[in-house]
């Protein structure tokens, strides 16, 4: 900051991963994207979460904190399917373990609020995206609430986040509040007990659908299955509806996903001036996940996921069948 003549930053990105300036690492990609849009960005990589002091080292961010557990869900990062502690962390220098807490999104959001009350907190990444509604937690063997209620983030930017993150940041810079940004695609948020629950058509999507509430999915496995089925059907950005799930007197609202990037936008994102190297602060330390992509091409979906499929022949593009685009 001193070298650049900055007296403050606009956004502090907090990540459970080591800082690698490479488009395969979300903290590097989002940082470069915001920088290219004219924002002053700081990256707080793998902070010590035992106090909020690391969250204060860049001063009070002018716009928001951006919180992510990292490229992996923190619980999968820490534990095997047998619930044994893993021996290494591919996203840490020299594969060291213990660089992030369990359920890192919750801890990081809490410290951000403690460090600077009133600064908007926007969560994102795999961990927050997959927990935006009620969900089964393998490690505690119970159904947990939406991460929005436990982390108390103002917004969750889920899925492919470039457009959503830019729209949120530009909106805050223009003087909008987080409440003003609730109609953005790719955004999830919670409503307070006294707030009305959205219904009907949204500004950019066809209608609102209420899924089984938290209390029902905890008590009834069939309700949980129905919640899961409906939420999976509403993931095509071209025809998804807004989802609402009640949690007692509160509710979680999930807008349809952001529309995919056009070719020119994709070229612009991957053409940003990445060094494609780990941060110099790590010296000669190895970051195993970086070695996977250092000299190889990469792509924009999970290596183990099923490729997107067009609707089956004879189905209308807005069909709600299981053959919808994923």
Protein backbone atom coordinates (compact mmCIF):
# COMPACT_ATOMS: atom_id res chain seq x y z
CA UNK A 1 0.00 0.00 0.00
CA UNK A 2 2.80 2.40 0.88
CA UNK A 3 4.63 1.66 -2.38
CA UNK A 4 1.47 2.40 -4.35
CA UNK A 5 0.65 5.53 -2.40
CA UNK A 6 -2.59 4.10 -1.02
CA UNK A 7 -3.96 5.36 2.26
CA UNK A 8 -6.83 2.84 2.16
CA UNK A 9 -8.15 -0.09 0.14
CA UNK A 10 -11.58 -0.60 -1.37
CA UNK A 11 -11.85 -4.36 -0.88
CA UNK A 12 -10.08 -6.87 1.35
CA UNK A 13 -10.27 -10.42 -0.02
CA UNK A 14 -9.86 -13.06 2.70
CA UNK A 15 -8.98 -16.58 1.59
CA UNK A 16 -8.11 -19.90 3.20
CA UNK A 17 -5.64 -20.57 0.36
CA UNK A 18 -2.11 -19.34 -0.16
CA UNK A 19 -2.03 -16.32 -2.47
CA UNK A 20 -1.22 -17.45 -6.01
CA UNK A 21 -1.59 -14.87 -8.78
CA UNK A 22 -3.05 -17.34 -11.25
CA UNK A 23 -6.56 -17.67 -12.77
CA UNK A 24 -6.98 -21.19 -11.32
CA UNK A 25 -6.92 -19.63 -7.83
CA UNK A 26 -10.04 -17.65 -6.99
CA UNK A 27 -8.26 -15.12 -4.80
CA UNK A 28 -5.86 -14.27 -7.63
CA UNK A 29 -8.57 -14.10 -10.28
CA UNK A 30 -11.01 -11.94 -8.32
CA UNK A 31 -8.20 -9.64 -7.14
CA UNK A 32 -7.01 -9.04 -10.71
CA UNK A 33 -10.58 -8.59 -11.97
CA UNK A 34 -11.35 -5.91 -9.38
CA UNK A 35 -7.98 -4.24 -9.93
CA UNK A 36 -8.69 -4.02 -13.67
CA UNK A 37 -12.02 -2.34 -12.85
CA UNK A 38 -10.16 0.39 -10.95
CA UNK A 39 -10.50 -0.79 -7.36
CA UNK A 40 -7.79 -0.94 -4.72
CA UNK A 41 -7.60 -4.53 -3.55
CA UNK A 42 -5.75 -6.27 -0.71
CA UNK A 43 -5.51 -10.05 -0.28
CA UNK A 44 -5.45 -11.52 3.23
CA UNK A 45 -4.32 -15.10 2.62
CA UNK A 46 -4.58 -17.75 5.33
CA UNK A 47 -4.84 -15.31 8.25
CA UNK A 48 -4.49 -16.33 11.88
CA UNK A 49 -8.15 -16.52 12.93
CA UNK A 50 -7.45 -16.58 16.69
CA UNK A 51 -8.11 -12.82 16.75
CA UNK A 52 -9.39 -10.13 14.40
CA UNK A 53 -6.07 -8.25 14.28
CA UNK A 54 -5.01 -9.66 10.86
CA UNK A 55 -8.29 -8.31 9.47
CA UNK A 56 -7.21 -4.81 10.57
CA UNK A 57 -3.78 -4.76 8.96
CA UNK A 58 -4.96 -3.03 5.77
CA UNK A 59 -7.20 -0.58 7.63
CA UNK A 60 -10.95 -0.28 7.21
CA UNK A 61 -11.92 -1.27 3.65
CA UNK A 62 -13.92 1.42 1.94
CA UNK A 63 -16.42 -0.96 0.31
CA UNK A 64 -16.43 -4.53 1.69
CA UNK A 65 -14.74 -7.70 2.83
CA UNK A 66 -14.84 -10.59 0.35
CA UNK A 67 -14.71 -13.90 2.23
CA UNK A 68 -13.83 -17.34 0.87
CA UNK A 69 -12.73 -20.56 2.54
CA UNK A 70 -10.59 -21.16 -0.57
CA UNK A 71 -10.69 -23.29 -3.69
CA UNK A 72 -11.84 -26.27 -1.59
CA UNK A 73 -14.48 -26.71 1.05
CA UNK A 74 -12.56 -26.42 4.33
CA UNK A 75 -13.98 -29.63 5.80
CA UNK A 76 -13.05 -31.69 2.74
CA UNK A 77 -9.69 -29.95 2.82
CA UNK A 78 -9.16 -31.10 6.42
CA UNK A 79 -10.71 -34.56 6.65
CA UNK A 80 -10.93 -37.81 4.69
CA UNK A 81 -14.18 -39.69 4.10
CA UNK A 82 -13.29 -41.68 7.25
CA UNK A 83 -13.19 -38.41 9.22
CA UNK A 84 -9.43 -38.71 9.67
CA UNK A 85 -7.30 -35.55 9.60
CA UNK A 86 -5.45 -35.21 6.31
CA UNK A 87 -1.67 -35.11 6.34
CA UNK A 88 -1.27 -32.21 3.93
CA UNK A 89 -3.04 -29.24 2.35
CA UNK A 90 -2.40 -28.78 -1.37
CA UNK A 91 -3.27 -25.07 -1.16
CA UNK A 92 -0.74 -24.21 1.58
CA UNK A 93 3.00 -23.54 1.39
CA UNK A 94 4.86 -26.85 1.52
CA UNK A 95 1.49 -28.58 1.98
CA UNK A 96 1.32 -27.53 5.64
CA UNK A 97 -1.93 -28.31 7.49
CA UNK A 98 -3.66 -26.08 10.03
CA UNK A 99 -3.56 -22.90 7.96
CA UNK A 100 -7.36 -22.46 8.01
CA UNK A 101 -10.11 -23.32 10.52
CA UNK A 102 -12.92 -25.82 10.12
CA UNK A 103 -15.87 -24.16 8.38
CA UNK A 104 -13.57 -21.29 7.52
CA UNK A 105 -16.28 -19.08 6.01
CA UNK A 106 -17.99 -18.78 9.40
CA UNK A 107 -14.79 -17.88 11.26
CA UNK A 108 -13.62 -15.40 8.62
CA UNK A 109 -16.99 -13.60 8.47
CA UNK A 110 -17.08 -13.35 12.26
CA UNK A 111 -13.59 -11.81 12.41
CA UNK A 112 -14.41 -9.35 9.63
CA UNK A 113 -17.43 -8.08 11.55
CA UNK A 114 -15.42 -7.92 14.76
CA UNK A 115 -12.58 -5.99 13.11
CA UNK A 116 -14.74 -3.32 11.45
CA UNK A 117 -18.43 -3.33 12.43
CA UNK A 118 -20.62 -1.96 9.69
CA UNK A 119 -18.40 -2.93 6.73
CA UNK A 120 -20.39 -5.14 4.31
CA UNK A 121 -19.35 -8.80 4.31
CA UNK A 122 -19.78 -10.75 1.07
CA UNK A 123 -19.07 -14.49 1.20
CA UNK A 124 -18.35 -16.65 -1.82
CA UNK A 125 -16.44 -19.66 -3.09
CA UNK A 126 -17.23 -23.36 -3.06
CA UNK A 127 -17.92 -23.63 0.68
CA UNK A 128 -20.48 -20.81 0.79
CA UNK A 129 -22.04 -21.69 -2.58
CA UNK A 130 -22.77 -25.31 -1.65
CA UNK A 131 -24.24 -24.31 1.72
CA UNK A 132 -26.56 -21.54 0.62
CA UNK A 133 -29.66 -23.56 1.60
CA UNK A 134 -30.19 -26.11 4.38
CA UNK A 135 -27.74 -28.96 3.84
CA UNK A 136 -26.61 -32.28 5.25
CA UNK A 137 -23.29 -32.00 7.07
CA UNK A 138 -21.38 -35.29 6.89
CA UNK A 139 -18.99 -34.52 9.75
CA UNK A 140 -21.65 -33.70 12.34
CA UNK A 141 -24.22 -36.09 10.77
CA UNK A 142 -27.02 -33.55 10.88
CA UNK A 143 -28.83 -31.05 8.69
CA UNK A 144 -27.43 -27.57 9.17
CA UNK A 145 -29.01 -24.23 8.42
CA UNK A 146 -28.08 -22.08 5.45
CA UNK A 147 -24.61 -20.65 5.84
CA UNK A 148 -26.15 -17.19 5.55
CA UNK A 149 -27.68 -17.54 9.00
CA UNK A 150 -24.60 -18.96 10.70
CA UNK A 151 -21.98 -16.75 9.01
CA UNK A 152 -24.23 -13.67 9.09
CA UNK A 153 -22.81 -12.52 5.77
CA UNK A 154 -24.73 -9.71 4.10
CA UNK A 155 -24.64 -11.50 0.75
CA UNK A 156 -23.39 -14.76 -0.71
CA UNK A 157 -22.07 -14.56 -4.27
CA UNK A 158 -22.43 -18.14 -5.50
CA UNK A 159 -21.27 -20.01 -8.57
CA UNK A 160 -19.15 -18.35 -11.25
CA UNK A 161 -18.60 -15.01 -9.57
CA UNK A 162 -16.94 -12.58 -11.99
CA UNK A 163 -20.05 -10.67 -13.05
CA UNK A 164 -21.65 -10.87 -9.63
CA UNK A 165 -18.57 -9.62 -7.78
CA UNK A 166 -18.12 -6.73 -10.19
CA UNK A 167 -21.77 -5.72 -9.92
CA UNK A 168 -21.68 -5.85 -6.11
CA UNK A 169 -18.47 -3.82 -5.88
CA UNK A 170 -19.56 -1.23 -8.44
CA UNK A 171 -22.91 -0.91 -6.68
CA UNK A 172 -21.27 -0.29 -3.30
CA UNK A 173 -18.89 2.22 -4.91
CA UNK A 174 -21.90 4.06 -6.35
CA UNK A 175 -23.36 4.48 -2.86
CA UNK A 176 -25.81 1.57 -2.86
CA UNK A 177 -26.37 -0.49 0.27
CA UNK A 178 -26.22 -4.29 0.36
CA UNK A 179 -30.00 -4.26 0.56
CA UNK A 180 -30.09 -2.38 -2.76
CA UNK A 181 -28.08 -5.22 -4.34
CA UNK A 182 -30.43 -8.05 -3.45
CA UNK A 183 -31.89 -8.27 -6.95
CA UNK A 184 -28.59 -9.21 -8.60
CA UNK A 185 -28.19 -12.58 -10.25
CA UNK A 186 -25.84 -14.98 -8.48
CA UNK A 187 -26.71 -13.52 -5.07
CA UNK A 188 -28.25 -15.14 -2.00
CA UNK A 189 -29.30 -13.28 1.15
CA UNK A 190 -31.40 -13.67 4.27
CA UNK A 191 -34.44 -11.67 5.31
CA UNK A 192 -35.06 -10.60 8.88
CA UNK A 193 -38.02 -11.75 10.95
CA UNK A 194 -39.95 -8.54 10.22
CA UNK A 195 -39.12 -8.33 6.49
CA UNK A 196 -41.56 -9.46 3.80
CA UNK A 197 -40.56 -12.58 1.89
CA UNK A 198 -40.20 -11.96 -1.86
CA UNK A 199 -42.83 -13.45 -4.14
CA UNK A 200 -43.78 -13.32 -7.80
CA UNK A 201 -41.52 -12.39 -10.71
CA UNK A 202 -38.10 -10.91 -10.17
CA UNK A 203 -36.61 -8.16 -12.33
CA UNK A 204 -34.73 -10.67 -14.51
CA UNK A 205 -36.31 -14.08 -13.92
CA UNK A 206 -39.66 -15.89 -14.17
CA UNK A 207 -41.16 -16.17 -10.72
CA UNK A 208 -40.32 -17.27 -7.20
CA UNK A 209 -40.53 -20.79 -5.81
CA UNK A 210 -40.70 -21.67 -2.11
CA UNK A 211 -38.88 -24.88 -1.17
CA UNK A 212 -39.50 -26.96 1.98
CA UNK A 213 -38.47 -25.01 5.09
CA UNK A 214 -35.53 -25.85 7.32
CA UNK A 215 -37.73 -27.30 10.06
CA UNK A 216 -39.37 -29.70 7.59
CA UNK A 217 -36.15 -30.95 5.99
CA UNK A 218 -34.63 -31.64 9.42
CA UNK A 219 -37.65 -33.73 10.46
CA UNK A 220 -38.57 -35.47 7.20
CA UNK A 221 -36.10 -37.13 4.78
CA UNK A 222 -38.66 -36.91 1.97
CA UNK A 223 -38.89 -33.14 2.46
CA UNK A 224 -35.08 -33.00 2.30
CA UNK A 225 -35.15 -34.96 -0.97
CA UNK A 226 -37.77 -32.62 -2.42
CA UNK A 227 -35.74 -29.56 -1.41
CA UNK A 228 -32.67 -31.05 -3.09
CA UNK A 229 -34.55 -32.04 -6.25
CA UNK A 230 -36.12 -28.63 -6.74
CA UNK A 231 -32.92 -26.71 -5.98
CA UNK A 232 -31.02 -28.77 -8.56
CA UNK A 233 -33.68 -28.11 -11.21
CA UNK A 234 -33.37 -24.36 -10.66
CA UNK A 235 -29.69 -24.05 -11.56
CA UNK A 236 -29.94 -23.21 -15.26
CA UNK A 237 -29.31 -19.43 -15.45
CA UNK A 238 -31.44 -19.15 -18.58
CA UNK A 239 -34.71 -20.24 -16.96
CA UNK A 240 -34.15 -20.66 -13.20
CA UNK A 241 -36.57 -19.14 -10.73
CA UNK A 242 -35.76 -17.43 -7.46
CA UNK A 243 -35.87 -19.81 -4.47
CA UNK A 244 -37.03 -19.05 -0.94
CA UNK A 245 -36.46 -21.26 2.09
CA UNK A 246 -37.89 -20.34 5.47
CA UNK A 247 -35.80 -20.81 8.60
CA UNK A 248 -38.20 -20.12 11.44
CA UNK A 249 -39.21 -16.45 11.25
CA UNK A 250 -36.36 -15.69 8.84
CA UNK A 251 -35.90 -16.78 5.24
CA UNK A 252 -33.08 -17.36 2.79
CA UNK A 253 -33.55 -16.04 -0.75
CA UNK A 254 -31.49 -17.45 -3.62
CA UNK A 255 -31.64 -15.58 -6.91
CA UNK A 256 -30.96 -17.42 -10.21
CA UNK A 257 -27.28 -17.92 -11.11
CA UNK A 258 -25.32 -15.32 -13.03
CA UNK A 259 -25.43 -15.68 -16.80
CA UNK A 260 -22.30 -17.28 -18.28
CA UNK A 261 -19.56 -15.04 -19.61
CA UNK A 262 -19.53 -14.28 -23.31
CA UNK A 263 -16.41 -15.19 -25.27
CA UNK A 264 -15.03 -11.65 -25.18
CA UNK A 265 -15.57 -11.43 -21.42
CA UNK A 266 -13.86 -14.77 -20.90
CA UNK A 267 -10.89 -13.65 -22.99
CA UNK A 268 -10.67 -10.44 -20.98
CA UNK A 269 -10.69 -12.28 -17.64
CA UNK A 270 -7.98 -14.77 -18.62
CA UNK A 271 -5.97 -12.04 -20.35
CA UNK A 272 -5.48 -10.05 -17.14
CA UNK A 273 -1.82 -9.47 -16.18
CA UNK A 274 -1.36 -12.48 -13.90
CA UNK A 275 2.19 -13.28 -12.87
CA UNK A 276 1.05 -16.93 -12.74
CA UNK A 277 3.26 -17.40 -9.70
CA UNK A 278 2.81 -17.72 -5.94
CA UNK A 279 3.32 -14.56 -3.92
CA UNK A 280 7.04 -13.80 -3.40
CA UNK A 281 6.53 -13.93 0.39
CA UNK A 282 6.49 -17.74 0.18
CA UNK A 283 10.07 -17.86 -1.09
CA UNK A 284 11.07 -21.35 -2.15
CA UNK A 285 8.12 -23.07 -0.46
CA UNK A 286 6.14 -25.43 -2.70
CA UNK A 287 2.39 -24.98 -3.15
CA UNK A 288 1.26 -28.40 -4.45
CA UNK A 289 -1.96 -27.15 -6.08
CA UNK A 290 0.02 -24.61 -8.08
CA UNK A 291 2.30 -27.30 -9.44
CA UNK A 292 -0.75 -29.00 -10.99
CA UNK A 293 -1.52 -25.97 -13.19
CA UNK A 294 1.90 -24.35 -13.49
CA UNK A 295 2.67 -25.77 -16.93
CA UNK A 296 -0.74 -27.11 -17.94
CA UNK A 297 -3.94 -25.77 -19.41
CA UNK A 298 -6.91 -25.43 -17.12
CA UNK A 299 -10.66 -25.18 -17.49
CA UNK A 300 -13.67 -23.79 -15.69
CA UNK A 301 -15.44 -26.71 -14.09
CA UNK A 302 -14.67 -29.41 -11.60
CA UNK A 303 -12.52 -32.14 -13.12
CA UNK A 304 -14.91 -34.74 -11.72
CA UNK A 305 -18.21 -33.12 -12.71
CA UNK A 306 -20.46 -34.26 -15.52
CA UNK A 307 -20.27 -32.05 -18.64
CA UNK A 308 -23.21 -29.76 -19.32
CA UNK A 309 -25.81 -31.29 -21.61
CA UNK A 310 -28.32 -29.68 -23.90
CA UNK A 311 -32.00 -30.50 -23.29
CA UNK A 312 -33.07 -33.84 -24.72
CA UNK A 313 -34.58 -33.74 -28.20
CA UNK A 314 -38.23 -32.73 -28.19
CA UNK A 315 -38.13 -30.88 -24.85
CA UNK A 316 -38.80 -27.16 -24.73
CA UNK A 317 -35.78 -25.07 -23.61
CA UNK A 318 -37.59 -24.07 -20.41
CA UNK A 319 -38.60 -27.63 -19.51
CA UNK A 320 -38.20 -28.41 -15.80
CA UNK A 321 -37.03 -31.96 -16.47
CA UNK A 322 -33.81 -33.50 -15.25
CA UNK A 323 -32.21 -33.00 -18.66
CA UNK A 324 -31.92 -29.25 -18.24
CA UNK A 325 -28.59 -27.55 -18.72
CA UNK A 326 -26.40 -27.88 -15.66
